[in-house]
Amino acid sequence: NEARRVKRIQTTEELANIVSSVKIYSQRKSIHPVTQTFQAIRIFVNDELKQLSEGLLAAERLLKPGGRLAVIVFHSLEEKIVKNFFRFCCAGSGSGSLSDIQSNPSFHYLSL
């Protein structure tokens, strides 16, 4: 916030330098704070979480009886949405627990 008061942030390099100066990078964490910042901006700008939810609902509507849906997720925010979706879809065919989801042949997800 202080950096914006001094000068408007105009480049990604300026933003990266600000984030690096404020947030300490720990080698134990796998994702650098600058990477997390740009990922968060991309997710927000592209409305990716809403798009994922809408895509899952559309896929479910298009899925024929006995059909299969596979989803690949790349981070925990996506994984949470997909797991909740699968729990909701599997609720009628069991408890909606993670073991029910994993044993249901119609729904699969892979976390990368």
PDB file of N, CA and C in Angstrom:
ATOM      1  N   ASN A   1       0.826  -1.191   0.000  1.00  0.00           N
ATOM      2  CA  ASN A   1       0.000   0.000   0.000  1.00  0.00           C
ATOM      3  C   ASN A   1       0.870   1.254   0.000  1.00  0.00           C
ATOM      4  N   GLU A   2       1.955   1.202   0.778  1.00  0.00           N
ATOM      5  CA  GLU A   2       2.884   2.338   0.838  1.00  0.00           C
ATOM      6  C   GLU A   2       3.495   2.608  -0.530  1.00  0.00           C
ATOM      7  N   ALA A   3       3.858   1.555  -1.244  1.00  0.00           N
ATOM      8  CA  ALA A   3       4.468   1.718  -2.568  1.00  0.00           C
ATOM      9  C   ALA A   3       3.510   2.395  -3.529  1.00  0.00           C
ATOM     10  N   ARG A   4       2.227   2.106  -3.436  1.00  0.00           N
ATOM     11  CA  ARG A   4       1.239   2.742  -4.324  1.00  0.00           C
ATOM     12  C   ARG A   4       1.076   4.213  -3.997  1.00  0.00           C
ATOM     13  N   ARG A   5       1.268   4.583  -2.737  1.00  0.00           N
ATOM     14  CA  ARG A   5       1.170   6.001  -2.380  1.00  0.00           C
ATOM     15  C   ARG A   5       2.322   6.794  -2.978  1.00  0.00           C
ATOM     16  N   VAL A   6       3.472   6.154  -3.041  1.00  0.00           N
ATOM     17  CA  VAL A   6       4.652   6.825  -3.584  1.00  0.00           C
ATOM     18  C   VAL A   6       4.564   6.910  -5.097  1.00  0.00           C
ATOM     19  N   LYS A   7       4.190   5.812  -5.733  1.00  0.00           N
ATOM     20  CA  LYS A   7       4.162   5.736  -7.195  1.00  0.00           C
ATOM     21  C   LYS A   7       3.217   4.618  -7.618  1.00  0.00           C
ATOM     22  N   ARG A   8       2.481   4.833  -8.645  1.00  0.00           N
ATOM     23  CA  ARG A   8       1.579   3.811  -9.166  1.00  0.00           C
ATOM     24  C   ARG A   8       2.395   2.624  -9.676  1.00  0.00           C
ATOM     25  N   ILE A   9       1.951   1.406  -9.342  1.00  0.00           N
ATOM     26  CA  ILE A   9       2.626   0.190  -9.805  1.00  0.00           C
ATOM     27  C   ILE A   9       2.255  -0.003 -11.270  1.00  0.00           C
ATOM     28  N   GLN A  10       3.264  -0.022 -12.137  1.00  0.00           N
ATOM     29  CA  GLN A  10       2.986  -0.081 -13.570  1.00  0.00           C
ATOM     30  C   GLN A  10       3.473  -1.348 -14.250  1.00  0.00           C
ATOM     31  N   THR A  11       4.386  -2.081 -13.624  1.00  0.00           N
ATOM     32  CA  THR A  11       4.903  -3.285 -14.272  1.00  0.00           C
ATOM     33  C   THR A  11       4.821  -4.466 -13.315  1.00  0.00           C
ATOM     34  N   THR A  12       4.863  -5.652 -13.909  1.00  0.00           N
ATOM     35  CA  THR A  12       4.871  -6.855 -13.080  1.00  0.00           C
ATOM     36  C   THR A  12       6.148  -6.944 -12.265  1.00  0.00           C
ATOM     37  N   GLU A  13       7.241  -6.429 -12.805  1.00  0.00           N
ATOM     38  CA  GLU A  13       8.505  -6.447 -12.067  1.00  0.00           C
ATOM     39  C   GLU A  13       8.410  -5.575 -10.814  1.00  0.00           C
ATOM     40  N   GLU A  14       7.762  -4.425 -10.923  1.00  0.00           N
ATOM     41  CA  GLU A  14       7.578  -3.568  -9.751  1.00  0.00           C
ATOM     42  C   GLU A  14       6.752  -4.283  -8.683  1.00  0.00           C
ATOM     43  N   LEU A  15       5.678  -4.931  -9.098  1.00  0.00           N
ATOM     44  CA  LEU A  15       4.839  -5.668  -8.150  1.00  0.00           C
ATOM     45  C   LEU A  15       5.637  -6.806  -7.508  1.00  0.00           C
ATOM     46  N   ALA A  16       6.391  -7.528  -8.316  1.00  0.00           N
ATOM     47  CA  ALA A  16       7.200  -8.631  -7.792  1.00  0.00           C
ATOM     48  C   ALA A  16       8.213  -8.127  -6.769  1.00  0.00           C
ATOM     49  N   ASN A  17       8.838  -6.998  -7.034  1.00  0.00           N
ATOM     50  CA  ASN A  17       9.807  -6.430  -6.092  1.00  0.00           C
ATOM     51  C   ASN A  17       9.134  -6.019  -4.788  1.00  0.00           C
ATOM     52  N   ILE A  18       7.945  -5.464  -4.876  1.00  0.00           N
ATOM     53  CA  ILE A  18       7.209  -5.060  -3.672  1.00  0.00           C
ATOM     54  C   ILE A  18       6.848  -6.285  -2.835  1.00  0.00           C
ATOM     55  N   VAL A  19       6.313  -7.315  -3.491  1.00  0.00           N
ATOM     56  CA  VAL A  19       5.938  -8.535  -2.777  1.00  0.00           C
ATOM     57  C   VAL A  19       7.174  -9.160  -2.125  1.00  0.00           C
ATOM     58  N   SER A  20       8.266  -9.221  -2.863  1.00  0.00           N
ATOM     59  CA  SER A  20       9.497  -9.805  -2.323  1.00  0.00           C
ATOM     60  C   SER A  20      10.032  -9.020  -1.131  1.00  0.00           C
ATOM     61  N   SER A  21       9.842  -7.707  -1.149  1.00  0.00           N
ATOM     62  CA  SER A  21      10.361  -6.889  -0.052  1.00  0.00           C
ATOM     63  C   SER A  21       9.498  -7.002   1.202  1.00  0.00           C
ATOM     64  N   VAL A  22       8.243  -7.401   1.036  1.00  0.00           N
ATOM     65  CA  VAL A  22       7.318  -7.466   2.160  1.00  0.00           C
ATOM     66  C   VAL A  22       7.211  -8.878   2.723  1.00  0.00           C
ATOM     67  N   LYS A  23       7.216  -9.860   1.876  1.00  0.00           N
ATOM     68  CA  LYS A  23       6.979 -11.247   2.287  1.00  0.00           C
ATOM     69  C   LYS A  23       8.282 -12.035   2.205  1.00  0.00           C
ATOM     70  N   ILE A  24       8.625 -12.692   3.292  1.00  0.00           N
ATOM     71  CA  ILE A  24       9.854 -13.472   3.350  1.00  0.00           C
ATOM     72  C   ILE A  24       9.613 -14.839   2.733  1.00  0.00           C
ATOM     73  N   TYR A  25      10.535 -15.257   1.862  1.00  0.00           N
ATOM     74  CA  TYR A  25      10.428 -16.550   1.200  1.00  0.00           C
ATOM     75  C   TYR A  25      11.150 -17.601   2.029  1.00  0.00           C
ATOM     76  N   SER A  26      10.443 -18.649   2.352  1.00  0.00           N
ATOM     77  CA  SER A  26      11.012 -19.760   3.097  1.00  0.00           C
ATOM     78  C   SER A  26      11.261 -20.918   2.133  1.00  0.00           C
ATOM     79  N   GLN A  27      12.451 -21.463   2.152  1.00  0.00           N
ATOM     80  CA  GLN A  27      12.779 -22.594   1.277  1.00  0.00           C
ATOM     81  C   GLN A  27      11.905 -23.807   1.568  1.00  0.00           C
ATOM     82  N   ARG A  28      11.339 -23.879   2.784  1.00  0.00           N
ATOM     83  CA  ARG A  28      10.487 -25.019   3.135  1.00  0.00           C
ATOM     84  C   ARG A  28       9.161 -24.983   2.384  1.00  0.00           C
ATOM     85  N   LYS A  29       8.703 -23.796   2.036  1.00  0.00           N
ATOM     86  CA  LYS A  29       7.459 -23.691   1.269  1.00  0.00           C
ATOM     87  C   LYS A  29       7.777 -23.916  -0.206  1.00  0.00           C
ATOM     88  N   SER A  30       6.877 -24.574  -0.893  1.00  0.00           N
ATOM     89  CA  SER A  30       7.156 -24.925  -2.280  1.00  0.00           C
ATOM     90  C   SER A  30       6.847 -23.798  -3.266  1.00  0.00           C
ATOM     91  N   ILE A  31       6.027 -22.851  -2.877  1.00  0.00           N
ATOM     92  CA  ILE A  31       5.634 -21.794  -3.815  1.00  0.00           C
ATOM     93  C   ILE A  31       6.146 -20.443  -3.316  1.00  0.00           C
ATOM     94  N   HIS A  32       6.841 -19.748  -4.181  1.00  0.00           N
ATOM     95  CA  HIS A  32       7.385 -18.436  -3.859  1.00  0.00           C
ATOM     96  C   HIS A  32       6.230 -17.435  -3.697  1.00  0.00           C
ATOM     97  N   PRO A  33       6.339 -16.487  -2.763  1.00  0.00           N
ATOM     98  CA  PRO A  33       5.264 -15.496  -2.545  1.00  0.00           C
ATOM     99  C   PRO A  33       4.885 -14.708  -3.800  1.00  0.00           C
ATOM    100  N   VAL A  34       5.853 -14.424  -4.651  1.00  0.00           N
ATOM    101  CA  VAL A  34       5.548 -13.696  -5.893  1.00  0.00           C
ATOM    102  C   VAL A  34       4.686 -14.569  -6.802  1.00  0.00           C
ATOM    103  N   THR A  35       5.029 -15.847  -6.878  1.00  0.00           N
ATOM    104  CA  THR A  35       4.229 -16.787  -7.675  1.00  0.00           C
ATOM    105  C   THR A  35       2.809 -16.867  -7.136  1.00  0.00           C
ATOM    106  N   GLN A  36       2.674 -16.954  -5.814  1.00  0.00           N
ATOM    107  CA  GLN A  36       1.344 -17.003  -5.198  1.00  0.00           C
ATOM    108  C   GLN A  36       0.549 -15.740  -5.510  1.00  0.00           C
ATOM    109  N   THR A  37       1.219 -14.608  -5.467  1.00  0.00           N
ATOM    110  CA  THR A  37       0.545 -13.334  -5.739  1.00  0.00           C
ATOM    111  C   THR A  37       0.010 -13.291  -7.157  1.00  0.00           C
ATOM    112  N   PHE A  38       0.851 -13.657  -8.134  1.00  0.00           N
ATOM    113  CA  PHE A  38       0.398 -13.624  -9.524  1.00  0.00           C
ATOM    114  C   PHE A  38      -0.662 -14.694  -9.797  1.00  0.00           C
ATOM    115  N   GLN A  39      -0.578 -15.824  -9.112  1.00  0.00           N
ATOM    116  CA  GLN A  39      -1.611 -16.855  -9.244  1.00  0.00           C
ATOM    117  C   GLN A  39      -2.946 -16.316  -8.721  1.00  0.00           C
ATOM    118  N   ALA A  40      -2.907 -15.645  -7.572  1.00  0.00           N
ATOM    119  CA  ALA A  40      -4.132 -15.085  -6.993  1.00  0.00           C
ATOM    120  C   ALA A  40      -4.748 -14.037  -7.914  1.00  0.00           C
ATOM    121  N   ILE A  41      -3.906 -13.198  -8.507  1.00  0.00           N
ATOM    122  CA  ILE A  41      -4.406 -12.177  -9.441  1.00  0.00           C
ATOM    123  C   ILE A  41      -5.057 -12.851 -10.646  1.00  0.00           C
ATOM    124  N   ARG A  42      -4.384 -13.873 -11.198  1.00  0.00           N
ATOM    125  CA  ARG A  42      -4.928 -14.584 -12.366  1.00  0.00           C
ATOM    126  C   ARG A  42      -6.264 -15.238 -12.037  1.00  0.00           C
ATOM    127  N   ILE A  43      -6.347 -15.895 -10.878  1.00  0.00           N
ATOM    128  CA  ILE A  43      -7.590 -16.556 -10.470  1.00  0.00           C
ATOM    129  C   ILE A  43      -8.715 -15.542 -10.346  1.00  0.00           C
ATOM    130  N   PHE A  44      -8.413 -14.382  -9.756  1.00  0.00           N
ATOM    131  CA  PHE A  44      -9.426 -13.337  -9.582  1.00  0.00           C
ATOM    132  C   PHE A  44      -9.849 -12.742 -10.924  1.00  0.00           C
ATOM    133  N   VAL A  45      -8.880 -12.346 -11.732  1.00  0.00           N
ATOM    134  CA  VAL A  45      -9.183 -11.677 -13.005  1.00  0.00           C
ATOM    135  C   VAL A  45      -9.982 -12.591 -13.931  1.00  0.00           C
ATOM    136  N   ASN A  46      -9.609 -13.852 -13.987  1.00  0.00           N
ATOM    137  CA  ASN A  46     -10.287 -14.801 -14.874  1.00  0.00           C
ATOM    138  C   ASN A  46     -11.525 -15.436 -14.249  1.00  0.00           C
ATOM    139  N   ASP A  47     -11.792 -15.105 -12.992  1.00  0.00           N
ATOM    140  CA  ASP A  47     -12.933 -15.674 -12.262  1.00  0.00           C
ATOM    141  C   ASP A  47     -12.910 -17.197 -12.352  1.00  0.00           C
ATOM    142  N   GLU A  48     -11.722 -17.767 -12.151  1.00  0.00           N
ATOM    143  CA  GLU A  48     -11.501 -19.189 -12.396  1.00  0.00           C
ATOM    144  C   GLU A  48     -12.301 -20.113 -11.484  1.00  0.00           C
ATOM    145  N   LEU A  49     -12.495 -19.730 -10.235  1.00  0.00           N
ATOM    146  CA  LEU A  49     -13.218 -20.619  -9.328  1.00  0.00           C
ATOM    147  C   LEU A  49     -14.696 -20.692  -9.697  1.00  0.00           C
ATOM    148  N   LYS A  50     -15.272 -19.582 -10.095  1.00  0.00           N
ATOM    149  CA  LYS A  50     -16.664 -19.595 -10.552  1.00  0.00           C
ATOM    150  C   LYS A  50     -16.777 -20.384 -11.859  1.00  0.00           C
ATOM    151  N   GLN A  51     -15.809 -20.190 -12.745  1.00  0.00           N
ATOM    152  CA  GLN A  51     -15.817 -20.919 -14.017  1.00  0.00           C
ATOM    153  C   GLN A  51     -15.715 -22.427 -13.782  1.00  0.00           C
ATOM    154  N   LEU A  52     -14.901 -22.826 -12.815  1.00  0.00           N
ATOM    155  CA  LEU A  52     -14.778 -24.248 -12.479  1.00  0.00           C
ATOM    156  C   LEU A  52     -16.113 -24.797 -11.982  1.00  0.00           C
ATOM    157  N   SER A  53     -16.750 -24.068 -11.071  1.00  0.00           N
ATOM    158  CA  SER A  53     -18.046 -24.511 -10.535  1.00  0.00           C
ATOM    159  C   SER A  53     -19.086 -24.632 -11.640  1.00  0.00           C
ATOM    160  N   GLU A  54     -19.147 -23.643 -12.496  1.00  0.00           N
ATOM    161  CA  GLU A  54     -20.112 -23.685 -13.596  1.00  0.00           C
ATOM    162  C   GLU A  54     -19.792 -24.805 -14.576  1.00  0.00           C
ATOM    163  N   GLY A  55     -18.507 -25.050 -14.807  1.00  0.00           N
ATOM    164  CA  GLY A  55     -18.097 -26.129 -15.703  1.00  0.00           C
ATOM    165  C   GLY A  55     -18.469 -27.499 -15.151  1.00  0.00           C
ATOM    166  N   LEU A  56     -18.312 -27.671 -13.841  1.00  0.00           N
ATOM    167  CA  LEU A  56     -18.687 -28.943 -13.216  1.00  0.00           C
ATOM    168  C   LEU A  56     -20.188 -29.184 -13.327  1.00  0.00           C
ATOM    169  N   LEU A  57     -20.975 -28.143 -13.081  1.00  0.00           N
ATOM    170  CA  LEU A  57     -22.433 -28.288 -13.192  1.00  0.00           C
ATOM    171  C   LEU A  57     -22.847 -28.605 -14.623  1.00  0.00           C
ATOM    172  N   ALA A  58     -22.218 -27.944 -15.585  1.00  0.00           N
ATOM    173  CA  ALA A  58     -22.530 -28.202 -16.996  1.00  0.00           C
ATOM    174  C   ALA A  58     -22.128 -29.626 -17.382  1.00  0.00           C
ATOM    175  N   ALA A  59     -20.970 -30.058 -16.900  1.00  0.00           N
ATOM    176  CA  ALA A  59     -20.517 -31.417 -17.205  1.00  0.00           C
ATOM    177  C   ALA A  59     -21.474 -32.455 -16.637  1.00  0.00           C
ATOM    178  N   GLU A  60     -21.970 -32.199 -15.424  1.00  0.00           N
ATOM    179  CA  GLU A  60     -22.911 -33.137 -14.809  1.00  0.00           C
ATOM    180  C   GLU A  60     -24.194 -33.227 -15.636  1.00  0.00           C
ATOM    181  N   ARG A  61     -24.680 -32.090 -16.128  1.00  0.00           N
ATOM    182  CA  ARG A  61     -25.899 -32.095 -16.942  1.00  0.00           C
ATOM    183  C   ARG A  61     -25.698 -32.861 -18.250  1.00  0.00           C
ATOM    184  N   LEU A  62     -24.480 -32.787 -18.806  1.00  0.00           N
ATOM    185  CA  LEU A  62     -24.200 -33.440 -20.081  1.00  0.00           C
ATOM    186  C   LEU A  62     -23.827 -34.909 -19.939  1.00  0.00           C
ATOM    187  N   LEU A  63     -23.492 -35.315 -18.726  1.00  0.00           N
ATOM    188  CA  LEU A  63     -23.050 -36.683 -18.481  1.00  0.00           C
ATOM    189  C   LEU A  63     -24.220 -37.650 -18.645  1.00  0.00           C
ATOM    190  N   LYS A  64     -24.044 -38.618 -19.511  1.00  0.00           N
ATOM    191  CA  LYS A  64     -25.084 -39.634 -19.707  1.00  0.00           C
ATOM    192  C   LYS A  64     -25.068 -40.604 -18.537  1.00  0.00           C
ATOM    193  N   PRO A  65     -26.194 -41.271 -18.275  1.00  0.00           N
ATOM    194  CA  PRO A  65     -26.209 -42.274 -17.210  1.00  0.00           C
ATOM    195  C   PRO A  65     -25.094 -43.303 -17.441  1.00  0.00           C
ATOM    196  N   GLY A  66     -24.334 -43.559 -16.396  1.00  0.00           N
ATOM    197  CA  GLY A  66     -23.210 -44.481 -16.506  1.00  0.00           C
ATOM    198  C   GLY A  66     -21.954 -43.836 -17.057  1.00  0.00           C
ATOM    199  N   GLY A  67     -22.060 -42.547 -17.441  1.00  0.00           N
ATOM    200  CA  GLY A  67     -20.894 -41.843 -17.972  1.00  0.00           C
ATOM    201  C   GLY A  67     -19.901 -41.530 -16.874  1.00  0.00           C
ATOM    202  N   ARG A  68     -18.723 -41.082 -17.256  1.00  0.00           N
ATOM    203  CA  ARG A  68     -17.664 -40.773 -16.291  1.00  0.00           C
ATOM    204  C   ARG A  68     -17.184 -39.343 -16.464  1.00  0.00           C
ATOM    205  N   LEU A  69     -16.859 -38.742 -15.330  1.00  0.00           N
ATOM    206  CA  LEU A  69     -16.321 -37.379 -15.323  1.00  0.00           C
ATOM    207  C   LEU A  69     -14.972 -37.422 -14.612  1.00  0.00           C
ATOM    208  N   ALA A  70     -13.927 -36.962 -15.280  1.00  0.00           N
ATOM    209  CA  ALA A  70     -12.591 -36.883 -14.679  1.00  0.00           C
ATOM    210  C   ALA A  70     -12.197 -35.413 -14.617  1.00  0.00           C
ATOM    211  N   VAL A  71     -11.627 -35.004 -13.494  1.00  0.00           N
ATOM    212  CA  VAL A  71     -11.231 -33.612 -13.299  1.00  0.00           C
ATOM    213  C   VAL A  71      -9.794 -33.589 -12.795  1.00  0.00           C
ATOM    214  N   ILE A  72      -8.965 -32.753 -13.401  1.00  0.00           N
ATOM    215  CA  ILE A  72      -7.599 -32.544 -12.934  1.00  0.00           C
ATOM    216  C   ILE A  72      -7.555 -31.189 -12.245  1.00  0.00           C
ATOM    217  N   VAL A  73      -7.069 -31.161 -11.008  1.00  0.00           N
ATOM    218  CA  VAL A  73      -6.965 -29.900 -10.262  1.00  0.00           C
ATOM    219  C   VAL A  73      -5.493 -29.573 -10.055  1.00  0.00           C
ATOM    220  N   PHE A  74      -5.189 -28.271  -9.968  1.00  0.00           N
ATOM    221  CA  PHE A  74      -3.805 -27.836  -9.867  1.00  0.00           C
ATOM    222  C   PHE A  74      -3.467 -27.185  -8.531  1.00  0.00           C
ATOM    223  N   HIS A  75      -4.463 -26.864  -7.731  1.00  0.00           N
ATOM    224  CA  HIS A  75      -4.184 -26.286  -6.414  1.00  0.00           C
ATOM    225  C   HIS A  75      -5.355 -26.543  -5.478  1.00  0.00           C
ATOM    226  N   SER A  76      -5.130 -26.264  -4.197  1.00  0.00           N
ATOM    227  CA  SER A  76      -6.091 -26.643  -3.159  1.00  0.00           C
ATOM    228  C   SER A  76      -7.437 -25.943  -3.294  1.00  0.00           C
ATOM    229  N   LEU A  77      -7.471 -24.730  -3.834  1.00  0.00           N
ATOM    230  CA  LEU A  77      -8.761 -24.054  -4.009  1.00  0.00           C
ATOM    231  C   LEU A  77      -9.641 -24.825  -4.989  1.00  0.00           C
ATOM    232  N   GLU A  78      -9.042 -25.255  -6.090  1.00  0.00           N
ATOM    233  CA  GLU A  78      -9.789 -26.057  -7.061  1.00  0.00           C
ATOM    234  C   GLU A  78     -10.176 -27.412  -6.467  1.00  0.00           C
ATOM    235  N   GLU A  79      -9.244 -28.014  -5.747  1.00  0.00           N
ATOM    236  CA  GLU A  79      -9.504 -29.330  -5.166  1.00  0.00           C
ATOM    237  C   GLU A  79     -10.699 -29.293  -4.221  1.00  0.00           C
ATOM    238  N   LYS A  80     -10.792 -28.247  -3.418  1.00  0.00           N
ATOM    239  CA  LYS A  80     -11.910 -28.120  -2.482  1.00  0.00           C
ATOM    240  C   LYS A  80     -13.245 -28.026  -3.222  1.00  0.00           C
ATOM    241  N   ILE A  81     -13.292 -27.249  -4.275  1.00  0.00           N
ATOM    242  CA  ILE A  81     -14.521 -27.103  -5.066  1.00  0.00           C
ATOM    243  C   ILE A  81     -14.914 -28.442  -5.686  1.00  0.00           C
ATOM    244  N   VAL A  82     -13.940 -29.140  -6.265  1.00  0.00           N
ATOM    245  CA  VAL A  82     -14.220 -30.421  -6.927  1.00  0.00           C
ATOM    246  C   VAL A  82     -14.671 -31.471  -5.909  1.00  0.00           C
ATOM    247  N   LYS A  83     -13.983 -31.550  -4.758  1.00  0.00           N
ATOM    248  CA  LYS A  83     -14.392 -32.513  -3.730  1.00  0.00           C
ATOM    249  C   LYS A  83     -15.811 -32.242  -3.248  1.00  0.00           C
ATOM    250  N   ASN A  84     -16.131 -30.978  -3.005  1.00  0.00           N
ATOM    251  CA  ASN A  84     -17.485 -30.638  -2.560  1.00  0.00           C
ATOM    252  C   ASN A  84     -18.518 -30.972  -3.625  1.00  0.00           C
ATOM    253  N   PHE A  85     -18.192 -30.732  -4.878  1.00  0.00           N
ATOM    254  CA  PHE A  85     -19.086 -31.078  -5.981  1.00  0.00           C
ATOM    255  C   PHE A  85     -19.321 -32.584  -6.019  1.00  0.00           C
ATOM    256  N   PHE A  86     -18.240 -33.359  -5.912  1.00  0.00           N
ATOM    257  CA  PHE A  86     -18.376 -34.814  -5.943  1.00  0.00           C
ATOM    258  C   PHE A  86     -19.154 -35.316  -4.736  1.00  0.00           C
ATOM    259  N   ARG A  87     -18.930 -34.718  -3.575  1.00  0.00           N
ATOM    260  CA  ARG A  87     -19.705 -35.111  -2.383  1.00  0.00           C
ATOM    261  C   ARG A  87     -21.196 -34.871  -2.621  1.00  0.00           C
ATOM    262  N   PHE A  88     -21.510 -33.729  -3.195  1.00  0.00           N
ATOM    263  CA  PHE A  88     -22.902 -33.398  -3.492  1.00  0.00           C
ATOM    264  C   PHE A  88     -23.484 -34.403  -4.481  1.00  0.00           C
ATOM    265  N   CYS A  89     -22.729 -34.721  -5.526  1.00  0.00           N
ATOM    266  CA  CYS A  89     -23.211 -35.655  -6.552  1.00  0.00           C
ATOM    267  C   CYS A  89     -23.346 -37.067  -6.018  1.00  0.00           C
ATOM    268  N   CYS A  90     -22.479 -37.445  -5.096  1.00  0.00           N
ATOM    269  CA  CYS A  90     -22.484 -38.814  -4.565  1.00  0.00           C
ATOM    270  C   CYS A  90     -23.392 -38.968  -3.361  1.00  0.00           C
ATOM    271  N   ALA A  91     -23.944 -37.881  -2.862  1.00  0.00           N
ATOM    272  CA  ALA A  91     -24.760 -37.938  -1.644  1.00  0.00           C
ATOM    273  C   ALA A  91     -25.945 -38.882  -1.802  1.00  0.00           C
ATOM    274  N   GLY A  92     -26.506 -38.964  -3.006  1.00  0.00           N
ATOM    275  CA  GLY A  92     -27.640 -39.856  -3.227  1.00  0.00           C
ATOM    276  C   GLY A  92     -27.250 -41.310  -3.320  1.00  0.00           C
ATOM    277  N   SER A  93     -25.951 -41.576  -3.567  1.00  0.00           N
ATOM    278  CA  SER A  93     -25.514 -42.964  -3.745  1.00  0.00           C
ATOM    279  C   SER A  93     -24.634 -43.438  -2.602  1.00  0.00           C
ATOM    280  N   GLY A  94     -24.717 -42.770  -1.460  1.00  0.00           N
ATOM    281  CA  GLY A  94     -23.897 -43.147  -0.311  1.00  0.00           C
ATOM    282  C   GLY A  94     -23.849 -41.996   0.672  1.00  0.00           C
ATOM    283  N   SER A  95     -22.809 -41.985   1.464  1.00  0.00           N
ATOM    284  CA  SER A  95     -22.713 -40.953   2.502  1.00  0.00           C
ATOM    285  C   SER A  95     -22.143 -39.647   1.984  1.00  0.00           C
ATOM    286  N   GLY A  96     -21.575 -39.668   0.766  1.00  0.00           N
ATOM    287  CA  GLY A  96     -20.909 -38.473   0.257  1.00  0.00           C
ATOM    288  C   GLY A  96     -19.516 -38.325   0.837  1.00  0.00           C
ATOM    289  N   SER A  97     -19.034 -39.381   1.490  1.00  0.00           N
ATOM    290  CA  SER A  97     -17.692 -39.333   2.075  1.00  0.00           C
ATOM    291  C   SER A  97     -16.651 -39.473   0.972  1.00  0.00           C
ATOM    292  N   LEU A  98     -15.409 -39.147   1.321  1.00  0.00           N
ATOM    293  CA  LEU A  98     -14.333 -39.237   0.346  1.00  0.00           C
ATOM    294  C   LEU A  98     -14.180 -40.669  -0.168  1.00  0.00           C
ATOM    295  N   SER A  99     -14.372 -41.669   0.686  1.00  0.00           N
ATOM    296  CA  SER A  99     -14.252 -43.060   0.222  1.00  0.00           C
ATOM    297  C   SER A  99     -15.371 -43.403  -0.762  1.00  0.00           C
ATOM    298  N   ASP A 100     -16.587 -42.862  -0.549  1.00  0.00           N
ATOM    299  CA  ASP A 100     -17.679 -43.077  -1.508  1.00  0.00           C
ATOM    300  C   ASP A 100     -17.343 -42.435  -2.846  1.00  0.00           C
ATOM    301  N   ILE A 101     -16.765 -41.235  -2.785  1.00  0.00           N
ATOM    302  CA  ILE A 101     -16.408 -40.530  -4.016  1.00  0.00           C
ATOM    303  C   ILE A 101     -15.354 -41.320  -4.774  1.00  0.00           C
ATOM    304  N   GLN A 102     -14.330 -41.800  -4.064  1.00  0.00           N
ATOM    305  CA  GLN A 102     -13.240 -42.526  -4.707  1.00  0.00           C
ATOM    306  C   GLN A 102     -13.704 -43.860  -5.276  1.00  0.00           C
ATOM    307  N   SER A 103     -14.728 -44.468  -4.684  1.00  0.00           N
ATOM    308  CA  SER A 103     -15.199 -45.753  -5.181  1.00  0.00           C
ATOM    309  C   SER A 103     -16.274 -45.606  -6.260  1.00  0.00           C
ATOM    310  N   ASN A 104     -16.777 -44.389  -6.468  1.00  0.00           N
ATOM    311  CA  ASN A 104     -17.801 -44.161  -7.484  1.00  0.00           C
ATOM    312  C   ASN A 104     -17.125 -44.088  -8.856  1.00  0.00           C
ATOM    313  N   PRO A 105     -17.440 -45.002  -9.774  1.00  0.00           N
ATOM    314  CA  PRO A 105     -16.755 -45.022 -11.074  1.00  0.00           C
ATOM    315  C   PRO A 105     -17.113 -43.840 -11.975  1.00  0.00           C
ATOM    316  N   SER A 106     -18.137 -43.074 -11.635  1.00  0.00           N
ATOM    317  CA  SER A 106     -18.542 -41.962 -12.492  1.00  0.00           C
ATOM    318  C   SER A 106     -17.727 -40.695 -12.268  1.00  0.00           C
ATOM    319  N   PHE A 107     -17.076 -40.575 -11.110  1.00  0.00           N
ATOM    320  CA  PHE A 107     -16.379 -39.347 -10.782  1.00  0.00           C
ATOM    321  C   PHE A 107     -14.950 -39.620 -10.361  1.00  0.00           C
ATOM    322  N   HIS A 108     -14.011 -38.959 -11.009  1.00  0.00           N
ATOM    323  CA  HIS A 108     -12.607 -39.077 -10.659  1.00  0.00           C
ATOM    324  C   HIS A 108     -11.954 -37.711 -10.745  1.00  0.00           C
ATOM    325  N   TYR A 109     -11.041 -37.426  -9.839  1.00  0.00           N
ATOM    326  CA  TYR A 109     -10.245 -36.216  -9.965  1.00  0.00           C
ATOM    327  C   TYR A 109      -8.809 -36.550  -9.626  1.00  0.00           C
ATOM    328  N   LEU A 110      -7.909 -35.783 -10.210  1.00  0.00           N
ATOM    329  CA  LEU A 110      -6.474 -35.953  -9.999  1.00  0.00           C
ATOM    330  C   LEU A 110      -5.903 -34.621  -9.580  1.00  0.00           C
ATOM    331  N   SER A 111      -5.178 -34.616  -8.476  1.00  0.00           N
ATOM    332  CA  SER A 111      -4.544 -33.391  -8.001  1.00  0.00           C
ATOM    333  C   SER A 111      -3.087 -33.383  -8.413  1.00  0.00           C
ATOM    334  N   LEU A 112      -2.672 -32.343  -9.128  1.00  0.00           N
ATOM    335  CA  LEU A 112      -1.273 -32.227  -9.570  1.00  0.00           C
ATOM    336  C   LEU A 112      -0.528 -31.214  -8.731  1.00  0.00           C
TER     337      LEU A 112
END
